[in-house]
Amino acid sequence: MNQVSKEEFKKIFLEYGKASDGWGKDYWEKMYENPKRENMKYLVRLPETEGKNRMMVVDDYSVNEYRLFFVSVDEEENLYR
């Protein structure tokens, strides 16, 4: 994962996030515009293949990181089994 600025993280979040999937501008404003903690790191791993098209975001307060990455539909389904 690459560390990026909050502005770059937001740009990627809004570019790839779909409101129909629960992501989008409203979610960004509610969750990330005013972070719950200072000094958060913003990490991103862009899609490696066309099949990895499901955006995931992890809020990890134990290490002060927001991580945005992409998985395939099958990988996403396996997360919830």
C-alpha atoms as a PDB file:
ATOM      1  CA  MET A   1       0.000   0.000   0.000  1.00  0.00           C
ATOM      2  CA  ASN A   2       1.117   3.517  -0.691  1.00  0.00           C
ATOM      3  CA  GLN A   3       0.695   6.339   1.764  1.00  0.00           C
ATOM      4  CA  VAL A   4      -1.062   9.332   0.224  1.00  0.00           C
ATOM      5  CA  SER A   5      -2.308  12.697   1.405  1.00  0.00           C
ATOM      6  CA  LYS A   6      -5.846  13.078   2.691  1.00  0.00           C
ATOM      7  CA  GLU A   7      -6.660  15.023  -0.487  1.00  0.00           C
ATOM      8  CA  GLU A   8      -5.410  12.192  -2.739  1.00  0.00           C
ATOM      9  CA  PHE A   9      -7.255   9.609  -0.616  1.00  0.00           C
ATOM     10  CA  LYS A  10     -10.459  11.634  -1.001  1.00  0.00           C
ATOM     11  CA  LYS A  11      -9.968  11.939  -4.758  1.00  0.00           C
ATOM     12  CA  ILE A  12      -9.537   8.162  -5.097  1.00  0.00           C
ATOM     13  CA  PHE A  13     -12.422   7.450  -2.705  1.00  0.00           C
ATOM     14  CA  LEU A  14     -14.803   9.650  -4.685  1.00  0.00           C
ATOM     15  CA  GLU A  15     -13.525   8.448  -8.072  1.00  0.00           C
ATOM     16  CA  TYR A  16     -14.007   4.751  -7.330  1.00  0.00           C
ATOM     17  CA  GLY A  17     -16.683   4.809  -4.639  1.00  0.00           C
ATOM     18  CA  LYS A  18     -20.267   4.254  -5.678  1.00  0.00           C
ATOM     19  CA  ALA A  19     -23.147   5.623  -3.640  1.00  0.00           C
ATOM     20  CA  SER A  20     -25.081   2.482  -4.597  1.00  0.00           C
ATOM     21  CA  ASP A  21     -22.421   0.438  -2.755  1.00  0.00           C
ATOM     22  CA  GLY A  22     -22.613   2.660   0.307  1.00  0.00           C
ATOM     23  CA  TRP A  23     -19.678   4.841  -0.648  1.00  0.00           C
ATOM     24  CA  GLY A  24     -19.887   8.324  -2.073  1.00  0.00           C
ATOM     25  CA  LYS A  25     -19.759  11.969  -1.114  1.00  0.00           C
ATOM     26  CA  ASP A  26     -22.265  11.691   1.749  1.00  0.00           C
ATOM     27  CA  TYR A  27     -20.335   8.818   3.313  1.00  0.00           C
ATOM     28  CA  TRP A  28     -17.034  10.679   2.880  1.00  0.00           C
ATOM     29  CA  GLU A  29     -18.393  13.768   4.587  1.00  0.00           C
ATOM     30  CA  LYS A  30     -19.856  11.758   7.466  1.00  0.00           C
ATOM     31  CA  MET A  31     -16.851   9.506   8.106  1.00  0.00           C
ATOM     32  CA  TYR A  32     -13.664  11.148   6.820  1.00  0.00           C
ATOM     33  CA  GLU A  33     -14.068  14.872   6.285  1.00  0.00           C
ATOM     34  CA  ASN A  34     -13.490  15.507   9.990  1.00  0.00           C
ATOM     35  CA  PRO A  35     -11.521  12.495  11.246  1.00  0.00           C
ATOM     36  CA  LYS A  36     -12.206  11.194  14.731  1.00  0.00           C
ATOM     37  CA  ARG A  37      -8.476  11.297  15.412  1.00  0.00           C
ATOM     38  CA  GLU A  38      -5.618  13.494  14.363  1.00  0.00           C
ATOM     39  CA  ASN A  39      -2.507  12.085  12.679  1.00  0.00           C
ATOM     40  CA  MET A  40      -4.313   9.424  10.674  1.00  0.00           C
ATOM     41  CA  LYS A  41      -2.381   7.901   7.784  1.00  0.00           C
ATOM     42  CA  TYR A  42      -4.113   7.411   4.451  1.00  0.00           C
ATOM     43  CA  LEU A  43      -3.071   4.260   2.574  1.00  0.00           C
ATOM     44  CA  VAL A  44      -4.207   3.143  -0.868  1.00  0.00           C
ATOM     45  CA  ARG A  45      -3.729   0.115  -3.096  1.00  0.00           C
ATOM     46  CA  LEU A  46      -5.337   0.726  -6.487  1.00  0.00           C
ATOM     47  CA  PRO A  47      -7.020  -2.116  -8.415  1.00  0.00           C
ATOM     48  CA  GLU A  48      -4.476  -4.607  -9.726  1.00  0.00           C
ATOM     49  CA  THR A  49      -6.834  -6.128 -12.296  1.00  0.00           C
ATOM     50  CA  GLU A  50     -10.247  -5.388 -13.784  1.00  0.00           C
ATOM     51  CA  GLY A  51     -11.689  -8.167 -11.640  1.00  0.00           C
ATOM     52  CA  LYS A  52     -10.696  -6.388  -8.440  1.00  0.00           C
ATOM     53  CA  ASN A  53     -13.436  -3.805  -8.634  1.00  0.00           C
ATOM     54  CA  ARG A  54     -14.963  -3.861  -5.142  1.00  0.00           C
ATOM     55  CA  MET A  55     -13.664  -0.985  -3.039  1.00  0.00           C
ATOM     56  CA  MET A  56     -13.011  -1.680   0.621  1.00  0.00           C
ATOM     57  CA  VAL A  57     -12.028   0.806   3.320  1.00  0.00           C
ATOM     58  CA  VAL A  58     -10.665  -0.178   6.720  1.00  0.00           C
ATOM     59  CA  ASP A  59     -10.618   2.289   9.598  1.00  0.00           C
ATOM     60  CA  ASP A  60      -7.847   0.965  11.856  1.00  0.00           C
ATOM     61  CA  TYR A  61      -7.585   3.157  14.921  1.00  0.00           C
ATOM     62  CA  SER A  62      -5.120   0.810  16.611  1.00  0.00           C
ATOM     63  CA  VAL A  63      -2.428   2.034  14.183  1.00  0.00           C
ATOM     64  CA  ASN A  64      -4.088   5.320  13.074  1.00  0.00           C
ATOM     65  CA  GLU A  65      -4.662   4.242   9.484  1.00  0.00           C
ATOM     66  CA  TYR A  66      -7.372   4.432   6.881  1.00  0.00           C
ATOM     67  CA  ARG A  67      -6.731   1.770   4.222  1.00  0.00           C
ATOM     68  CA  LEU A  68      -8.488   1.781   0.857  1.00  0.00           C
ATOM     69  CA  PHE A  69      -8.030  -1.216  -1.434  1.00  0.00           C
ATOM     70  CA  PHE A  70      -9.861  -3.341  -3.961  1.00  0.00           C
ATOM     71  CA  VAL A  71     -10.924  -6.977  -4.015  1.00  0.00           C
ATOM     72  CA  SER A  72     -12.822  -9.200  -6.421  1.00  0.00           C
ATOM     73  CA  VAL A  73     -16.471 -10.086  -5.852  1.00  0.00           C
ATOM     74  CA  ASP A  74     -15.419 -13.606  -4.776  1.00  0.00           C
ATOM     75  CA  GLU A  75     -12.860 -12.230  -2.312  1.00  0.00           C
ATOM     76  CA  GLU A  76     -15.481  -9.909  -0.870  1.00  0.00           C
ATOM     77  CA  GLU A  77     -17.982 -12.748  -0.448  1.00  0.00           C
ATOM     78  CA  ASN A  78     -15.338 -14.860   1.299  1.00  0.00           C
ATOM     79  CA  LEU A  79     -14.835 -12.100   3.868  1.00  0.00           C
ATOM     80  CA  TYR A  80     -18.362 -12.659   5.138  1.00  0.00           C
ATOM     81  CA  ARG A  81     -18.440 -16.489   5.243  1.00  0.00           C
END
